[in-house]
């Protein structure tokens, strides 16, 4: 079974293209719960799979669920701290400072009374995703 996270693809939700790890983990858990209700599915033989960022979700969801028979992921960079750190280091201190500032701007904007998230594109040419 494949599904789209809320805010992405054919799913609902606004704003579009919002990355919310908590919401994505809920969506993953809901998909597993739904799969277990299907008559053609053995609820004790559920396997979760994810690629890239979703590969990390597959690990977290399998652990939280406790009944998932197996999980598969393709996301070495996101679960390997030395590789992730090296990847961040190649961005340079200037880009890391900009990413930190973007995260802080979003966190502050999300608190009451503002409640306005600061959005960045999720995909684009190399380095184009980073704030300027």
N, C-alpha and C. Protein backbone atom coordinates (compact mmCIF):
# COMPACT_ATOMS: atom_id res chain seq x y z
N UNK A 1 0.85 -1.16 0.00
CA UNK A 1 0.00 0.00 0.00
C UNK A 1 0.90 1.23 0.00
N UNK A 2 0.59 2.19 -0.82
CA UNK A 2 1.30 3.46 -0.85
C UNK A 2 0.33 4.56 -0.44
N UNK A 3 0.85 5.61 0.16
CA UNK A 3 0.00 6.73 0.55
C UNK A 3 0.80 8.02 0.46
N UNK A 4 0.08 9.13 0.38
CA UNK A 4 0.69 10.46 0.41
C UNK A 4 0.53 11.03 1.81
N UNK A 5 1.58 11.63 2.32
CA UNK A 5 1.46 12.34 3.58
C UNK A 5 0.51 13.52 3.40
N UNK A 6 -0.17 13.91 4.48
CA UNK A 6 -1.00 15.12 4.38
C UNK A 6 -0.12 16.28 3.93
N UNK A 7 -0.72 17.17 3.23
CA UNK A 7 -0.07 18.35 2.65
C UNK A 7 0.73 18.05 1.37
N UNK A 8 0.82 16.79 0.97
CA UNK A 8 1.58 16.43 -0.22
C UNK A 8 0.74 15.59 -1.17
N UNK A 9 1.14 15.60 -2.45
CA UNK A 9 0.53 14.72 -3.44
C UNK A 9 -0.98 14.91 -3.55
N UNK A 10 -1.70 13.78 -3.58
CA UNK A 10 -3.16 13.81 -3.74
C UNK A 10 -3.89 13.92 -2.41
N UNK A 11 -3.15 14.05 -1.31
CA UNK A 11 -3.79 14.17 0.00
C UNK A 11 -4.32 15.58 0.21
N UNK A 12 -5.09 15.73 1.29
CA UNK A 12 -5.60 17.05 1.64
C UNK A 12 -4.67 17.76 2.59
N UNK A 13 -5.11 18.89 3.05
CA UNK A 13 -4.38 19.64 4.06
C UNK A 13 -3.75 20.90 3.52
N UNK A 14 -3.80 21.92 4.30
CA UNK A 14 -3.18 23.20 3.98
C UNK A 14 -2.27 23.60 5.13
N UNK A 15 -1.20 24.26 4.89
CA UNK A 15 -0.70 24.69 3.59
C UNK A 15 -0.06 23.52 2.86
N UNK A 16 0.00 23.59 1.58
CA UNK A 16 0.61 22.54 0.78
C UNK A 16 2.12 22.52 1.02
N UNK A 17 2.72 21.37 0.84
CA UNK A 17 4.17 21.16 0.94
C UNK A 17 4.72 21.44 2.34
N UNK A 18 3.89 21.34 3.37
CA UNK A 18 4.36 21.53 4.74
C UNK A 18 4.98 20.24 5.25
N UNK A 19 6.22 20.30 5.69
CA UNK A 19 6.89 19.13 6.25
C UNK A 19 6.69 19.15 7.76
N UNK A 20 5.91 18.20 8.26
CA UNK A 20 5.69 18.06 9.70
C UNK A 20 5.99 16.61 10.06
N UNK A 21 7.10 16.39 10.74
CA UNK A 21 7.49 15.03 11.09
C UNK A 21 6.41 14.38 11.94
N UNK A 22 5.87 15.11 12.91
CA UNK A 22 4.82 14.54 13.77
C UNK A 22 3.61 14.11 12.95
N UNK A 23 3.18 14.96 12.02
CA UNK A 23 2.03 14.62 11.18
C UNK A 23 2.35 13.44 10.27
N UNK A 24 3.56 13.40 9.73
CA UNK A 24 3.93 12.30 8.85
C UNK A 24 3.98 10.97 9.61
N UNK A 25 4.47 10.99 10.84
CA UNK A 25 4.47 9.77 11.65
C UNK A 25 3.05 9.32 11.96
N UNK A 26 2.15 10.27 12.23
CA UNK A 26 0.74 9.93 12.44
C UNK A 26 0.14 9.31 11.19
N UNK A 27 0.45 9.89 10.02
CA UNK A 27 -0.07 9.37 8.76
C UNK A 27 0.43 7.95 8.50
N UNK A 28 1.69 7.72 8.78
CA UNK A 28 2.29 6.39 8.62
C UNK A 28 1.57 5.39 9.52
N UNK A 29 1.37 5.77 10.80
CA UNK A 29 0.68 4.89 11.75
C UNK A 29 -0.76 4.63 11.31
N UNK A 30 -1.42 5.66 10.78
CA UNK A 30 -2.80 5.48 10.29
C UNK A 30 -2.84 4.53 9.10
N UNK A 31 -1.85 4.62 8.23
CA UNK A 31 -1.79 3.72 7.07
C UNK A 31 -1.61 2.27 7.53
N UNK A 32 -0.75 2.07 8.52
CA UNK A 32 -0.55 0.72 9.06
C UNK A 32 -1.83 0.20 9.69
N UNK A 33 -2.49 1.05 10.49
CA UNK A 33 -3.74 0.65 11.13
C UNK A 33 -4.79 0.29 10.08
N UNK A 34 -4.88 1.08 9.01
CA UNK A 34 -5.84 0.78 7.95
C UNK A 34 -5.49 -0.53 7.26
N UNK A 35 -4.21 -0.74 6.96
CA UNK A 35 -3.80 -1.98 6.28
C UNK A 35 -4.19 -3.20 7.11
N UNK A 36 -4.12 -3.09 8.40
CA UNK A 36 -4.48 -4.22 9.27
C UNK A 36 -5.96 -4.57 9.21
N UNK A 37 -6.79 -3.65 8.74
CA UNK A 37 -8.24 -3.92 8.64
C UNK A 37 -8.61 -4.60 7.33
N UNK A 38 -7.70 -4.65 6.38
CA UNK A 38 -8.01 -5.23 5.07
C UNK A 38 -8.05 -6.75 5.17
N UNK A 39 -9.08 -7.37 4.60
CA UNK A 39 -9.22 -8.82 4.74
C UNK A 39 -8.09 -9.62 4.10
N UNK A 40 -7.45 -9.07 3.09
CA UNK A 40 -6.38 -9.80 2.41
C UNK A 40 -5.01 -9.60 3.08
N UNK A 41 -4.97 -8.87 4.17
CA UNK A 41 -3.71 -8.57 4.85
C UNK A 41 -3.64 -9.32 6.18
N UNK A 42 -2.52 -10.00 6.40
CA UNK A 42 -2.26 -10.63 7.70
C UNK A 42 -1.73 -9.51 8.60
N UNK A 43 -2.50 -9.10 9.62
CA UNK A 43 -2.10 -7.96 10.44
C UNK A 43 -0.78 -8.16 11.20
N UNK A 44 -0.33 -9.39 11.30
CA UNK A 44 0.94 -9.66 11.99
C UNK A 44 2.13 -9.73 11.04
N UNK A 45 1.88 -9.49 9.75
CA UNK A 45 2.97 -9.57 8.77
C UNK A 45 3.14 -8.25 8.02
N UNK A 46 2.86 -7.15 8.68
CA UNK A 46 3.01 -5.82 8.09
C UNK A 46 4.50 -5.49 8.01
N UNK A 47 4.91 -4.99 6.86
CA UNK A 47 6.29 -4.53 6.65
C UNK A 47 6.20 -3.07 6.23
N UNK A 48 7.04 -2.23 6.82
CA UNK A 48 7.07 -0.83 6.42
C UNK A 48 8.35 -0.56 5.66
N UNK A 49 8.27 0.36 4.72
CA UNK A 49 9.40 0.69 3.87
C UNK A 49 9.41 2.19 3.66
N UNK A 50 10.57 2.78 3.65
CA UNK A 50 10.69 4.20 3.36
C UNK A 50 12.00 4.49 2.70
N UNK A 51 12.02 5.56 1.95
CA UNK A 51 13.23 5.98 1.28
C UNK A 51 13.55 7.41 1.66
N UNK A 52 14.82 7.72 1.75
CA UNK A 52 15.30 9.04 2.11
C UNK A 52 14.75 9.45 3.47
N UNK A 53 14.12 10.62 3.56
CA UNK A 53 13.61 11.11 4.85
C UNK A 53 12.58 10.14 5.43
N UNK A 54 11.75 9.58 4.56
CA UNK A 54 10.73 8.62 4.99
C UNK A 54 11.35 7.32 5.50
N UNK A 55 12.59 7.06 5.12
CA UNK A 55 13.28 5.88 5.65
C UNK A 55 13.49 5.98 7.15
N UNK A 56 13.77 7.19 7.61
CA UNK A 56 13.87 7.42 9.05
C UNK A 56 12.53 7.22 9.73
N UNK A 57 11.46 7.65 9.05
CA UNK A 57 10.11 7.43 9.59
C UNK A 57 9.81 5.94 9.72
N UNK A 58 10.26 5.15 8.74
CA UNK A 58 10.00 3.70 8.78
C UNK A 58 10.58 3.09 10.05
N UNK A 59 11.77 3.54 10.43
CA UNK A 59 12.40 3.04 11.65
C UNK A 59 11.57 3.44 12.86
N UNK A 60 11.25 4.73 12.97
CA UNK A 60 10.50 5.24 14.13
C UNK A 60 9.12 4.60 14.24
N UNK A 61 8.43 4.46 13.12
CA UNK A 61 7.07 3.89 13.13
C UNK A 61 7.12 2.42 13.52
N UNK A 62 8.08 1.69 13.01
CA UNK A 62 8.18 0.26 13.35
C UNK A 62 8.43 0.07 14.84
N UNK A 63 9.29 0.90 15.41
CA UNK A 63 9.57 0.79 16.84
C UNK A 63 8.34 1.18 17.65
N UNK A 64 7.70 2.29 17.29
CA UNK A 64 6.52 2.76 18.04
C UNK A 64 5.36 1.78 17.95
N UNK A 65 5.19 1.16 16.79
CA UNK A 65 4.08 0.23 16.58
C UNK A 65 4.25 -1.04 17.41
N UNK A 66 5.42 -1.59 17.40
CA UNK A 66 5.70 -2.79 18.19
C UNK A 66 5.21 -4.09 17.57
N UNK A 67 4.36 -4.03 16.57
CA UNK A 67 3.84 -5.24 15.93
C UNK A 67 4.31 -5.38 14.48
N UNK A 68 5.02 -4.39 13.96
CA UNK A 68 5.50 -4.45 12.58
C UNK A 68 6.48 -5.60 12.46
N UNK A 69 6.25 -6.46 11.46
CA UNK A 69 7.07 -7.67 11.29
C UNK A 69 8.48 -7.33 10.79
N UNK A 70 8.59 -6.30 9.97
CA UNK A 70 9.89 -5.93 9.42
C UNK A 70 9.81 -4.51 8.90
N UNK A 71 10.98 -3.92 8.74
CA UNK A 71 11.04 -2.60 8.14
C UNK A 71 12.25 -2.56 7.23
N UNK A 72 12.13 -1.76 6.19
CA UNK A 72 13.22 -1.59 5.24
C UNK A 72 13.34 -0.10 4.98
N UNK A 73 14.55 0.35 4.89
CA UNK A 73 14.74 1.77 4.60
C UNK A 73 15.92 1.96 3.68
N UNK A 74 15.86 3.02 2.94
CA UNK A 74 16.97 3.43 2.11
C UNK A 74 17.23 4.89 2.48
N UNK A 75 18.06 5.07 3.50
CA UNK A 75 18.30 6.44 3.98
C UNK A 75 19.55 6.51 4.84
N UNK A 76 20.59 5.89 4.41
CA UNK A 76 21.79 5.80 5.23
C UNK A 76 22.23 7.15 5.77
N UNK A 77 22.17 8.15 4.96
CA UNK A 77 22.67 9.46 5.37
C UNK A 77 21.90 10.00 6.56
N UNK A 78 20.61 9.73 6.67
CA UNK A 78 19.79 10.32 7.73
C UNK A 78 19.87 9.54 9.03
N UNK A 79 20.43 8.35 9.02
CA UNK A 79 20.52 7.58 10.25
C UNK A 79 21.97 7.25 10.60
N UNK A 80 22.89 7.88 9.93
CA UNK A 80 24.31 7.68 10.16
C UNK A 80 24.89 9.05 10.54
N UNK A 81 25.06 9.29 11.84
CA UNK A 81 25.47 10.61 12.33
C UNK A 81 26.75 11.13 11.68
N UNK A 82 27.81 10.31 11.55
CA UNK A 82 29.03 10.86 10.92
C UNK A 82 28.79 11.31 9.48
N UNK A 83 28.04 10.52 8.71
CA UNK A 83 27.78 10.91 7.31
C UNK A 83 26.91 12.16 7.25
N UNK A 84 25.91 12.23 8.12
CA UNK A 84 25.03 13.40 8.15
C UNK A 84 25.83 14.64 8.51
N UNK A 85 26.71 14.52 9.50
CA UNK A 85 27.54 15.65 9.91
C UNK A 85 28.46 16.08 8.77
N UNK A 86 29.04 15.12 8.08
CA UNK A 86 29.91 15.45 6.96
C UNK A 86 29.13 16.15 5.86
N UNK A 87 27.90 15.69 5.62
CA UNK A 87 27.06 16.31 4.61
C UNK A 87 26.75 17.75 4.98
N UNK A 88 26.46 18.00 6.26
CA UNK A 88 26.19 19.36 6.72
C UNK A 88 27.44 20.22 6.60
N UNK A 89 28.59 19.64 6.89
CA UNK A 89 29.84 20.40 6.85
C UNK A 89 30.14 20.90 5.44
N UNK A 90 29.75 20.16 4.41
CA UNK A 90 30.03 20.59 3.05
C UNK A 90 29.22 21.81 2.67
N UNK A 91 28.16 22.10 3.40
CA UNK A 91 27.35 23.28 3.10
C UNK A 91 28.11 24.56 3.46
N UNK A 92 29.04 24.47 4.38
CA UNK A 92 29.80 25.64 4.80
C UNK A 92 29.13 26.35 5.97
N UNK A 93 29.93 27.07 6.73
CA UNK A 93 29.42 27.74 7.92
C UNK A 93 28.35 28.78 7.59
N UNK A 94 28.52 29.49 6.49
CA UNK A 94 27.54 30.50 6.10
C UNK A 94 26.17 29.89 5.85
N UNK A 95 26.14 28.78 5.11
CA UNK A 95 24.87 28.13 4.82
C UNK A 95 24.26 27.52 6.08
N UNK A 96 25.11 26.94 6.95
CA UNK A 96 24.60 26.39 8.20
C UNK A 96 23.99 27.48 9.07
N UNK A 97 24.62 28.65 9.10
CA UNK A 97 24.06 29.78 9.87
C UNK A 97 22.72 30.20 9.28
N UNK A 98 22.61 30.23 7.95
CA UNK A 98 21.35 30.61 7.31
C UNK A 98 20.25 29.58 7.61
N UNK A 99 20.61 28.29 7.60
CA UNK A 99 19.61 27.26 7.91
C UNK A 99 19.16 27.37 9.36
N UNK A 100 20.10 27.65 10.26
CA UNK A 100 19.75 27.82 11.67
C UNK A 100 18.81 29.01 11.84
N UNK A 101 19.13 30.12 11.17
CA UNK A 101 18.28 31.31 11.25
C UNK A 101 16.89 31.02 10.69
N UNK A 102 16.83 30.26 9.60
CA UNK A 102 15.53 29.90 9.01
C UNK A 102 14.70 29.07 9.99
N UNK A 103 15.35 28.11 10.65
CA UNK A 103 14.63 27.30 11.63
C UNK A 103 14.14 28.12 12.80
N UNK A 104 14.95 29.04 13.26
CA UNK A 104 14.54 29.90 14.38
C UNK A 104 13.41 30.82 13.95
N UNK A 105 13.49 31.37 12.75
CA UNK A 105 12.42 32.25 12.25
C UNK A 105 11.10 31.49 12.18
N UNK A 106 11.15 30.24 11.71
CA UNK A 106 9.94 29.43 11.63
C UNK A 106 9.39 29.12 13.01
N UNK A 107 10.27 28.74 13.95
CA UNK A 107 9.81 28.39 15.30
C UNK A 107 9.17 29.59 15.98
N UNK A 108 9.76 30.77 15.82
CA UNK A 108 9.20 31.98 16.43
C UNK A 108 7.87 32.33 15.76
N UNK A 109 7.81 32.20 14.45
CA UNK A 109 6.59 32.52 13.72
C UNK A 109 5.44 31.58 14.02
N UNK A 110 5.76 30.39 14.49
CA UNK A 110 4.71 29.40 14.76
C UNK A 110 4.10 29.55 16.14
N UNK A 111 4.69 30.40 16.97
CA UNK A 111 4.17 30.55 18.33
C UNK A 111 3.08 31.62 18.36
N UNK A 112 2.12 31.49 19.29
CA UNK A 112 1.08 32.51 19.40
C UNK A 112 1.73 33.85 19.77
N UNK A 113 1.21 34.98 19.36
CA UNK A 113 -0.02 35.12 18.60
C UNK A 113 0.19 35.06 17.09
N UNK A 114 1.45 34.99 16.62
CA UNK A 114 1.72 35.05 15.17
C UNK A 114 1.10 33.89 14.42
N UNK A 115 1.42 32.66 14.81
CA UNK A 115 0.93 31.44 14.14
C UNK A 115 1.11 31.47 12.63
N UNK A 116 2.23 32.03 12.16
CA UNK A 116 2.52 32.04 10.74
C UNK A 116 3.83 31.31 10.52
N UNK A 117 3.79 30.21 9.79
CA UNK A 117 5.00 29.45 9.50
C UNK A 117 5.76 30.14 8.39
N UNK A 118 7.08 29.99 8.40
CA UNK A 118 7.92 30.49 7.33
C UNK A 118 8.26 29.32 6.45
N UNK A 119 7.85 29.36 5.21
CA UNK A 119 7.98 28.23 4.30
C UNK A 119 9.21 28.38 3.41
N UNK A 120 9.86 27.22 3.17
CA UNK A 120 10.96 27.11 2.22
C UNK A 120 10.62 26.00 1.24
N UNK A 121 11.06 26.10 0.00
CA UNK A 121 10.83 24.99 -0.92
C UNK A 121 11.49 23.71 -0.40
N UNK A 122 10.84 22.57 -0.65
CA UNK A 122 11.39 21.29 -0.20
C UNK A 122 12.39 20.76 -1.21
N UNK A 123 12.18 21.02 -2.48
CA UNK A 123 13.09 20.53 -3.52
C UNK A 123 13.49 21.68 -4.43
N UNK A 124 14.60 21.50 -5.11
CA UNK A 124 15.08 22.50 -6.04
C UNK A 124 16.50 22.19 -6.44
N UNK A 125 17.09 23.03 -7.26
CA UNK A 125 18.48 22.82 -7.64
C UNK A 125 19.37 22.85 -6.40
N UNK A 126 20.56 22.28 -6.48
CA UNK A 126 21.47 22.28 -5.32
C UNK A 126 21.63 23.69 -4.74
N UNK A 127 21.56 23.73 -3.41
CA UNK A 127 21.70 24.96 -2.63
C UNK A 127 20.54 25.93 -2.82
N UNK A 128 19.64 25.70 -3.76
CA UNK A 128 18.52 26.61 -3.98
C UNK A 128 17.50 26.52 -2.85
N UNK A 129 17.50 25.40 -2.11
CA UNK A 129 16.54 25.21 -1.02
C UNK A 129 16.91 26.04 0.19
N UNK A 130 18.15 26.43 0.30
CA UNK A 130 18.62 27.11 1.49
C UNK A 130 18.25 28.59 1.43
N UNK A 131 17.95 29.19 2.59
CA UNK A 131 17.64 30.62 2.60
C UNK A 131 18.85 31.42 2.16
N UNK A 132 18.59 32.51 1.55
CA UNK A 132 19.68 33.37 1.04
C UNK A 132 19.86 34.57 1.95
